mmCIF file of all heavy atoms, coordinates in Angstrom:
data_MODEL
# 
_entry.id   MODEL 
# 
loop_
_atom_site.group_PDB 
_atom_site.id 
_atom_site.type_symbol 
_atom_site.label_atom_id 
_atom_site.label_alt_id 
_atom_site.label_comp_id 
_atom_site.label_asym_id 
_atom_site.label_entity_id 
_atom_site.label_seq_id 
_atom_site.pdbx_PDB_ins_code 
_atom_site.Cartn_x 
_atom_site.Cartn_y 
_atom_site.Cartn_z 
_atom_site.occupancy 
_atom_site.B_iso_or_equiv 
_atom_site.pdbx_formal_charge 
_atom_site.auth_seq_id 
_atom_site.auth_comp_id 
_atom_site.auth_asym_id 
_atom_site.auth_atom_id 
_atom_site.pdbx_PDB_model_num 
ATOM 1   N N   . LYS A 1 1  ? 85.869 94.987  98.653  1.00 0.00 ? 1  LYS A N   1 
ATOM 2   C CA  . LYS A 1 1  ? 85.213 95.921  97.742  1.00 0.00 ? 1  LYS A CA  1 
ATOM 3   C C   . LYS A 1 1  ? 85.309 97.368  98.226  1.00 0.00 ? 1  LYS A C   1 
ATOM 4   O O   . LYS A 1 1  ? 85.431 98.299  97.415  1.00 0.00 ? 1  LYS A O   1 
ATOM 5   C CB  . LYS A 1 1  ? 83.754 95.509  97.552  1.00 0.00 ? 1  LYS A CB  1 
ATOM 6   C CG  . LYS A 1 1  ? 83.059 96.262  96.439  1.00 0.00 ? 1  LYS A CG  1 
ATOM 7   C CD  . LYS A 1 1  ? 81.648 95.711  96.215  1.00 0.00 ? 1  LYS A CD  1 
ATOM 8   C CE  . LYS A 1 1  ? 80.918 96.505  95.146  1.00 0.00 ? 1  LYS A CE  1 
ATOM 9   N NZ  . LYS A 1 1  ? 79.551 96.011  94.916  1.00 0.00 ? 1  LYS A NZ  1 
ATOM 10  N N   . GLU A 1 2  ? 85.269 97.575  99.525  1.00 0.00 ? 2  GLU A N   1 
ATOM 11  C CA  . GLU A 1 2  ? 85.353 98.947  100.049 1.00 0.00 ? 2  GLU A CA  1 
ATOM 12  C C   . GLU A 1 2  ? 86.682 99.596  99.668  1.00 0.00 ? 2  GLU A C   1 
ATOM 13  O O   . GLU A 1 2  ? 86.754 100.796 99.407  1.00 0.00 ? 2  GLU A O   1 
ATOM 14  C CB  . GLU A 1 2  ? 85.172 98.947  101.583 1.00 0.00 ? 2  GLU A CB  1 
ATOM 15  C CG  . GLU A 1 2  ? 83.747 98.672  102.030 1.00 0.00 ? 2  GLU A CG  1 
ATOM 16  C CD  . GLU A 1 2  ? 82.743 99.598  101.367 1.00 0.00 ? 2  GLU A CD  1 
ATOM 17  O OE1 . GLU A 1 2  ? 82.971 100.831 101.367 1.00 0.00 ? 2  GLU A OE1 1 
ATOM 18  O OE2 . GLU A 1 2  ? 81.737 99.111  100.829 1.00 0.00 ? 2  GLU A OE2 1 
ATOM 19  N N   . GLU A 1 3  ? 87.753 98.782  99.631  1.00 0.00 ? 3  GLU A N   1 
ATOM 20  C CA  . GLU A 1 3  ? 89.072 99.304  99.243  1.00 0.00 ? 3  GLU A CA  1 
ATOM 21  C C   . GLU A 1 3  ? 89.110 99.677  97.770  1.00 0.00 ? 3  GLU A C   1 
ATOM 22  O O   . GLU A 1 3  ? 89.678 100.703 97.389  1.00 0.00 ? 3  GLU A O   1 
ATOM 23  C CB  . GLU A 1 3  ? 90.167 98.267  99.542  1.00 0.00 ? 3  GLU A CB  1 
ATOM 24  C CG  . GLU A 1 3  ? 90.500 98.119  101.012 1.00 0.00 ? 3  GLU A CG  1 
ATOM 25  C CD  . GLU A 1 3  ? 91.152 99.378  101.582 1.00 0.00 ? 3  GLU A CD  1 
ATOM 26  O OE1 . GLU A 1 3  ? 91.737 100.166 100.815 1.00 0.00 ? 3  GLU A OE1 1 
ATOM 27  O OE2 . GLU A 1 3  ? 91.049 99.585  102.806 1.00 0.00 ? 3  GLU A OE2 1 
ATOM 28  N N   . THR A 1 4  ? 88.526 98.824  96.920  1.00 0.00 ? 4  THR A N   1 
ATOM 29  C CA  . THR A 1 4  ? 88.540 99.135  95.487  1.00 0.00 ? 4  THR A CA  1 
ATOM 30  C C   . THR A 1 4  ? 87.666 100.354 95.193  1.00 0.00 ? 4  THR A C   1 
ATOM 31  O O   . THR A 1 4  ? 87.968 101.142 94.293  1.00 0.00 ? 4  THR A O   1 
ATOM 32  C CB  . THR A 1 4  ? 88.075 97.925  94.640  1.00 0.00 ? 4  THR A CB  1 
ATOM 33  O OG1 . THR A 1 4  ? 86.799 97.469  95.088  1.00 0.00 ? 4  THR A OG1 1 
ATOM 34  C CG2 . THR A 1 4  ? 89.077 96.788  94.736  1.00 0.00 ? 4  THR A CG2 1 
ATOM 35  N N   . LYS A 1 5  ? 86.607 100.545 95.968  1.00 0.00 ? 5  LYS A N   1 
ATOM 36  C CA  . LYS A 1 5  ? 85.784 101.739 95.807  1.00 0.00 ? 5  LYS A CA  1 
ATOM 37  C C   . LYS A 1 5  ? 86.574 102.989 96.198  1.00 0.00 ? 5  LYS A C   1 
ATOM 38  O O   . LYS A 1 5  ? 86.473 104.037 95.551  1.00 0.00 ? 5  LYS A O   1 
ATOM 39  C CB  . LYS A 1 5  ? 84.511 101.636 96.655  1.00 0.00 ? 5  LYS A CB  1 
ATOM 40  C CG  . LYS A 1 5  ? 83.437 100.740 96.048  1.00 0.00 ? 5  LYS A CG  1 
ATOM 41  C CD  . LYS A 1 5  ? 82.091 100.972 96.717  1.00 0.00 ? 5  LYS A CD  1 
ATOM 42  C CE  . LYS A 1 5  ? 80.978 100.299 95.922  1.00 0.00 ? 5  LYS A CE  1 
ATOM 43  N NZ  . LYS A 1 5  ? 79.644 100.715 96.369  1.00 0.00 ? 5  LYS A NZ  1 
ATOM 44  N N   . LYS A 1 6  ? 87.381 102.866 97.256  1.00 0.00 ? 6  LYS A N   1 
ATOM 45  C CA  . LYS A 1 6  ? 88.222 103.990 97.682  1.00 0.00 ? 6  LYS A CA  1 
ATOM 46  C C   . LYS A 1 6  ? 89.254 104.318 96.606  1.00 0.00 ? 6  LYS A C   1 
ATOM 47  O O   . LYS A 1 6  ? 89.588 105.483 96.378  1.00 0.00 ? 6  LYS A O   1 
ATOM 48  C CB  . LYS A 1 6  ? 88.928 103.651 98.995  1.00 0.00 ? 6  LYS A CB  1 
ATOM 49  C CG  . LYS A 1 6  ? 88.047 103.708 100.225 1.00 0.00 ? 6  LYS A CG  1 
ATOM 50  C CD  . LYS A 1 6  ? 88.846 103.341 101.475 1.00 0.00 ? 6  LYS A CD  1 
ATOM 51  C CE  . LYS A 1 6  ? 87.949 103.274 102.699 1.00 0.00 ? 6  LYS A CE  1 
ATOM 52  N NZ  . LYS A 1 6  ? 88.711 102.842 103.896 1.00 0.00 ? 6  LYS A NZ  1 
ATOM 53  N N   . MET A 1 7  ? 89.795 103.279 95.962  1.00 0.00 ? 7  MET A N   1 
ATOM 54  C CA  . MET A 1 7  ? 90.768 103.490 94.886  1.00 0.00 ? 7  MET A CA  1 
ATOM 55  C C   . MET A 1 7  ? 90.158 104.303 93.757  1.00 0.00 ? 7  MET A C   1 
ATOM 56  O O   . MET A 1 7  ? 90.765 105.238 93.241  1.00 0.00 ? 7  MET A O   1 
ATOM 57  C CB  . MET A 1 7  ? 91.247 102.143 94.328  1.00 0.00 ? 7  MET A CB  1 
ATOM 58  C CG  . MET A 1 7  ? 92.226 101.405 95.186  1.00 0.00 ? 7  MET A CG  1 
ATOM 59  S SD  . MET A 1 7  ? 92.758 99.884  94.360  1.00 0.00 ? 7  MET A SD  1 
ATOM 60  C CE  . MET A 1 7  ? 93.419 98.983  95.749  1.00 0.00 ? 7  MET A CE  1 
ATOM 61  N N   . LEU A 1 8  ? 88.939 103.920 93.361  1.00 0.00 ? 8  LEU A N   1 
ATOM 62  C CA  . LEU A 1 8  ? 88.267 104.625 92.269  1.00 0.00 ? 8  LEU A CA  1 
ATOM 63  C C   . LEU A 1 8  ? 88.011 106.086 92.648  1.00 0.00 ? 8  LEU A C   1 
ATOM 64  O O   . LEU A 1 8  ? 88.222 106.990 91.838  1.00 0.00 ? 8  LEU A O   1 
ATOM 65  C CB  . LEU A 1 8  ? 86.962 103.922 91.911  1.00 0.00 ? 8  LEU A CB  1 
ATOM 66  C CG  . LEU A 1 8  ? 87.110 102.544 91.254  1.00 0.00 ? 8  LEU A CG  1 
ATOM 67  C CD1 . LEU A 1 8  ? 85.754 101.888 91.070  1.00 0.00 ? 8  LEU A CD1 1 
ATOM 68  C CD2 . LEU A 1 8  ? 87.812 102.671 89.910  1.00 0.00 ? 8  LEU A CD2 1 
ATOM 69  N N   . ALA A 1 9  ? 87.563 106.300 93.875  1.00 0.00 ? 9  ALA A N   1 
ATOM 70  C CA  . ALA A 1 9  ? 87.337 107.668 94.340  1.00 0.00 ? 9  ALA A CA  1 
ATOM 71  C C   . ALA A 1 9  ? 88.660 108.433 94.371  1.00 0.00 ? 9  ALA A C   1 
ATOM 72  O O   . ALA A 1 9  ? 88.715 109.621 94.040  1.00 0.00 ? 9  ALA A O   1 
ATOM 73  C CB  . ALA A 1 9  ? 86.693 107.648 95.721  1.00 0.00 ? 9  ALA A CB  1 
ATOM 74  N N   . GLY A 1 10 ? 89.730 107.734 94.737  1.00 0.00 ? 10 GLY A N   1 
ATOM 75  C CA  . GLY A 1 10 ? 91.053 108.350 94.836  1.00 0.00 ? 10 GLY A CA  1 
ATOM 76  C C   . GLY A 1 10 ? 91.611 108.832 93.506  1.00 0.00 ? 10 GLY A C   1 
ATOM 77  O O   . GLY A 1 10 ? 92.404 109.776 93.468  1.00 0.00 ? 10 GLY A O   1 
ATOM 78  N N   . ILE A 1 11 ? 91.201 108.204 92.406  1.00 0.00 ? 11 ILE A N   1 
ATOM 79  C CA  . ILE A 1 11 ? 91.694 108.639 91.092  1.00 0.00 ? 11 ILE A CA  1 
ATOM 80  C C   . ILE A 1 11 ? 90.725 109.608 90.420  1.00 0.00 ? 11 ILE A C   1 
ATOM 81  O O   . ILE A 1 11 ? 90.949 110.036 89.288  1.00 0.00 ? 11 ILE A O   1 
ATOM 82  C CB  . ILE A 1 11 ? 91.953 107.439 90.149  1.00 0.00 ? 11 ILE A CB  1 
ATOM 83  C CG1 . ILE A 1 11 ? 90.654 106.684 89.850  1.00 0.00 ? 11 ILE A CG1 1 
ATOM 84  C CG2 . ILE A 1 11 ? 93.006 106.511 90.729  1.00 0.00 ? 11 ILE A CG2 1 
ATOM 85  C CD1 . ILE A 1 11 ? 90.788 105.634 88.758  1.00 0.00 ? 11 ILE A CD1 1 
ATOM 86  N N   . GLY A 1 12 ? 89.631 109.940 91.133  1.00 0.00 ? 12 GLY A N   1 
ATOM 87  C CA  . GLY A 1 12 ? 88.683 110.897 90.583  1.00 0.00 ? 12 GLY A CA  1 
ATOM 88  C C   . GLY A 1 12 ? 87.556 110.262 89.796  1.00 0.00 ? 12 GLY A C   1 
ATOM 89  O O   . GLY A 1 12 ? 86.876 110.932 89.016  1.00 0.00 ? 12 GLY A O   1 
ATOM 90  N N   . ALA A 1 13 ? 87.352 108.957 89.988  1.00 0.00 ? 13 ALA A N   1 
ATOM 91  C CA  . ALA A 1 13 ? 86.268 108.261 89.287  1.00 0.00 ? 13 ALA A CA  1 
ATOM 92  C C   . ALA A 1 13 ? 85.114 108.022 90.251  1.00 0.00 ? 13 ALA A C   1 
ATOM 93  O O   . ALA A 1 13 ? 85.279 108.081 91.471  1.00 0.00 ? 13 ALA A O   1 
ATOM 94  C CB  . ALA A 1 13 ? 86.762 106.922 88.733  1.00 0.00 ? 13 ALA A CB  1 
ATOM 95  N N   . ASN A 1 14 ? 83.951 107.730 89.706  1.00 0.00 ? 14 ASN A N   1 
ATOM 96  C CA  . ASN A 1 14 ? 82.792 107.401 90.518  1.00 0.00 ? 14 ASN A CA  1 
ATOM 97  C C   . ASN A 1 14 ? 83.029 106.019 91.142  1.00 0.00 ? 14 ASN A C   1 
ATOM 98  O O   . ASN A 1 14 ? 83.470 105.089 90.464  1.00 0.00 ? 14 ASN A O   1 
ATOM 99  C CB  . ASN A 1 14 ? 81.544 107.382 89.631  1.00 0.00 ? 14 ASN A CB  1 
ATOM 100 C CG  . ASN A 1 14 ? 80.260 107.383 90.441  1.00 0.00 ? 14 ASN A CG  1 
ATOM 101 O OD1 . ASN A 1 14 ? 80.114 106.613 91.389  1.00 0.00 ? 14 ASN A OD1 1 
ATOM 102 N ND2 . ASN A 1 14 ? 79.331 108.235 90.066  1.00 0.00 ? 14 ASN A ND2 1 
ATOM 103 N N   . SER A 1 15 ? 82.743 105.854 92.392  1.00 0.00 ? 15 SER A N   1 
ATOM 104 C CA  . SER A 1 15 ? 83.025 104.591 93.069  1.00 0.00 ? 15 SER A CA  1 
ATOM 105 C C   . SER A 1 15 ? 82.191 103.426 92.542  1.00 0.00 ? 15 SER A C   1 
ATOM 106 O O   . SER A 1 15 ? 82.565 102.263 92.722  1.00 0.00 ? 15 SER A O   1 
ATOM 107 C CB  . SER A 1 15 ? 82.810 104.733 94.588  1.00 0.00 ? 15 SER A CB  1 
ATOM 108 O OG  . SER A 1 15 ? 81.468 105.085 94.864  1.00 0.00 ? 15 SER A OG  1 
ATOM 109 N N   . ASP A 1 16 ? 81.069 103.724 91.883  1.00 0.00 ? 16 ASP A N   1 
ATOM 110 C CA  . ASP A 1 16 ? 80.276 102.633 91.310  1.00 0.00 ? 16 ASP A CA  1 
ATOM 111 C C   . ASP A 1 16 ? 80.352 102.637 89.773  1.00 0.00 ? 16 ASP A C   1 
ATOM 112 O O   . ASP A 1 16 ? 79.469 102.135 89.080  1.00 0.00 ? 16 ASP A O   1 
ATOM 113 C CB  . ASP A 1 16 ? 78.822 102.684 91.789  1.00 0.00 ? 16 ASP A CB  1 
ATOM 114 C CG  . ASP A 1 16 ? 78.132 103.999 91.441  1.00 0.00 ? 16 ASP A CG  1 
ATOM 115 O OD1 . ASP A 1 16 ? 78.765 104.857 90.806  1.00 0.00 ? 16 ASP A OD1 1 
ATOM 116 O OD2 . ASP A 1 16 ? 76.944 104.157 91.804  1.00 0.00 ? 16 ASP A OD2 1 
ATOM 117 N N   . ALA A 1 17 ? 81.432 103.191 89.240  1.00 0.00 ? 17 ALA A N   1 
ATOM 118 C CA  . ALA A 1 17 ? 81.638 103.245 87.788  1.00 0.00 ? 17 ALA A CA  1 
ATOM 119 C C   . ALA A 1 17 ? 81.822 101.850 87.208  1.00 0.00 ? 17 ALA A C   1 
ATOM 120 O O   . ALA A 1 17 ? 82.251 100.912 87.896  1.00 0.00 ? 17 ALA A O   1 
ATOM 121 C CB  . ALA A 1 17 ? 82.862 104.094 87.466  1.00 0.00 ? 17 ALA A CB  1 
ATOM 122 N N   . ARG A 1 18 ? 81.489 101.722 85.941  1.00 0.00 ? 18 ARG A N   1 
ATOM 123 C CA  . ARG A 1 18 ? 81.757 100.496 85.194  1.00 0.00 ? 18 ARG A CA  1 
ATOM 124 C C   . ARG A 1 18 ? 83.005 100.712 84.349  1.00 0.00 ? 18 ARG A C   1 
ATOM 125 O O   . ARG A 1 18 ? 83.431 101.854 84.134  1.00 0.00 ? 18 ARG A O   1 
ATOM 126 C CB  . ARG A 1 18 ? 80.560 100.122 84.314  1.00 0.00 ? 18 ARG A CB  1 
ATOM 127 C CG  . ARG A 1 18 ? 79.295 99.878  85.118  1.00 0.00 ? 18 ARG A CG  1 
ATOM 128 C CD  . ARG A 1 18 ? 78.139 99.444  84.239  1.00 0.00 ? 18 ARG A CD  1 
ATOM 129 N NE  . ARG A 1 18 ? 76.891 99.395  84.992  1.00 0.00 ? 18 ARG A NE  1 
ATOM 130 C CZ  . ARG A 1 18 ? 76.511 98.390  85.765  1.00 0.00 ? 18 ARG A CZ  1 
ATOM 131 N NH1 . ARG A 1 18 ? 77.289 97.323  85.876  1.00 0.00 ? 18 ARG A NH1 1 
ATOM 132 N NH2 . ARG A 1 18 ? 75.372 98.421  86.416  1.00 0.00 ? 18 ARG A NH2 1 
ATOM 133 N N   . ALA A 1 19 ? 83.579 99.619  83.861  1.00 0.00 ? 19 ALA A N   1 
ATOM 134 C CA  . ALA A 1 19 ? 84.841 99.701  83.140  1.00 0.00 ? 19 ALA A CA  1 
ATOM 135 C C   . ALA A 1 19 ? 84.781 100.669 81.957  1.00 0.00 ? 19 ALA A C   1 
ATOM 136 O O   . ALA A 1 19 ? 85.738 101.403 81.690  1.00 0.00 ? 19 ALA A O   1 
ATOM 137 C CB  . ALA A 1 19 ? 85.248 98.308  82.654  1.00 0.00 ? 19 ALA A CB  1 
ATOM 138 N N   . GLU A 1 20 ? 83.653 100.698 81.244  1.00 0.00 ? 20 GLU A N   1 
ATOM 139 C CA  . GLU A 1 20 ? 83.553 101.534 80.041  1.00 0.00 ? 20 GLU A CA  1 
ATOM 140 C C   . GLU A 1 20 ? 83.460 103.029 80.347  1.00 0.00 ? 20 GLU A C   1 
ATOM 141 O O   . GLU A 1 20 ? 83.543 103.863 79.440  1.00 0.00 ? 20 GLU A O   1 
ATOM 142 C CB  . GLU A 1 20 ? 82.342 101.113 79.189  1.00 0.00 ? 20 GLU A CB  1 
ATOM 143 C CG  . GLU A 1 20 ? 81.012 101.188 79.892  1.00 0.00 ? 20 GLU A CG  1 
ATOM 144 C CD  . GLU A 1 20 ? 80.581 99.865  80.519  1.00 0.00 ? 20 GLU A CD  1 
ATOM 145 O OE1 . GLU A 1 20 ? 81.478 99.078  80.908  1.00 0.00 ? 20 GLU A OE1 1 
ATOM 146 O OE2 . GLU A 1 20 ? 79.363 99.610  80.604  1.00 0.00 ? 20 GLU A OE2 1 
ATOM 147 N N   . ASN A 1 21 ? 83.305 103.380 81.653  1.00 0.00 ? 21 ASN A N   1 
ATOM 148 C CA  . ASN A 1 21 ? 83.194 104.788 82.042  1.00 0.00 ? 21 ASN A CA  1 
ATOM 149 C C   . ASN A 1 21 ? 84.548 105.475 82.231  1.00 0.00 ? 21 ASN A C   1 
ATOM 150 O O   . ASN A 1 21 ? 84.625 106.702 82.248  1.00 0.00 ? 21 ASN A O   1 
ATOM 151 C CB  . ASN A 1 21 ? 82.410 104.922 83.353  1.00 0.00 ? 21 ASN A CB  1 
ATOM 152 C CG  . ASN A 1 21 ? 80.995 104.385 83.263  1.00 0.00 ? 21 ASN A CG  1 
ATOM 153 O OD1 . ASN A 1 21 ? 80.536 103.667 84.142  1.00 0.00 ? 21 ASN A OD1 1 
ATOM 154 N ND2 . ASN A 1 21 ? 80.290 104.712 82.194  1.00 0.00 ? 21 ASN A ND2 1 
ATOM 155 N N   . LEU A 1 22 ? 85.616 104.696 82.400  1.00 0.00 ? 22 LEU A N   1 
ATOM 156 C CA  . LEU A 1 22 ? 86.919 105.273 82.722  1.00 0.00 ? 22 LEU A CA  1 
ATOM 157 C C   . LEU A 1 22 ? 87.733 105.607 81.471  1.00 0.00 ? 22 LEU A C   1 
ATOM 158 O O   . LEU A 1 22 ? 87.791 104.822 80.529  1.00 0.00 ? 22 LEU A O   1 
ATOM 159 C CB  . LEU A 1 22 ? 87.738 104.321 83.597  1.00 0.00 ? 22 LEU A CB  1 
ATOM 160 C CG  . LEU A 1 22 ? 87.637 104.531 85.116  1.00 0.00 ? 22 LEU A CG  1 
ATOM 161 C CD1 . LEU A 1 22 ? 86.223 104.270 85.590  1.00 0.00 ? 22 LEU A CD1 1 
ATOM 162 C CD2 . LEU A 1 22 ? 88.635 103.640 85.844  1.00 0.00 ? 22 LEU A CD2 1 
ATOM 163 N N   . SER A 1 23 ? 88.363 106.778 81.486  1.00 0.00 ? 23 SER A N   1 
ATOM 164 C CA  . SER A 1 23 ? 89.242 107.184 80.391  1.00 0.00 ? 23 SER A CA  1 
ATOM 165 C C   . SER A 1 23 ? 90.585 106.465 80.527  1.00 0.00 ? 23 SER A C   1 
ATOM 166 O O   . SER A 1 23 ? 90.898 105.878 81.575  1.00 0.00 ? 23 SER A O   1 
ATOM 167 C CB  . SER A 1 23 ? 89.479 108.692 80.437  1.00 0.00 ? 23 SER A CB  1 
ATOM 168 O OG  . SER A 1 23 ? 90.216 109.026 81.617  1.00 0.00 ? 23 SER A OG  1 
ATOM 169 N N   . LEU A 1 24 ? 91.376 106.523 79.481  1.00 0.00 ? 24 LEU A N   1 
ATOM 170 C CA  . LEU A 1 24 ? 92.711 105.919 79.513  1.00 0.00 ? 24 LEU A CA  1 
ATOM 171 C C   . LEU A 1 24 ? 93.544 106.488 80.659  1.00 0.00 ? 24 LEU A C   1 
ATOM 172 O O   . LEU A 1 24 ? 94.225 105.750 81.374  1.00 0.00 ? 24 LEU A O   1 
ATOM 173 C CB  . LEU A 1 24 ? 93.428 106.166 78.179  1.00 0.00 ? 24 LEU A CB  1 
ATOM 174 C CG  . LEU A 1 24 ? 94.903 105.733 78.125  1.00 0.00 ? 24 LEU A CG  1 
ATOM 175 C CD1 . LEU A 1 24 ? 95.030 104.222 78.252  1.00 0.00 ? 24 LEU A CD1 1 
ATOM 176 C CD2 . LEU A 1 24 ? 95.547 106.213 76.830  1.00 0.00 ? 24 LEU A CD2 1 
# 
């Protein structure tokens, strides 16, 4: 999970974001 959180942060998203929060 720590890696997937880093991925989200790496693309400019919140690390605890839900699927519906991300743009295309």
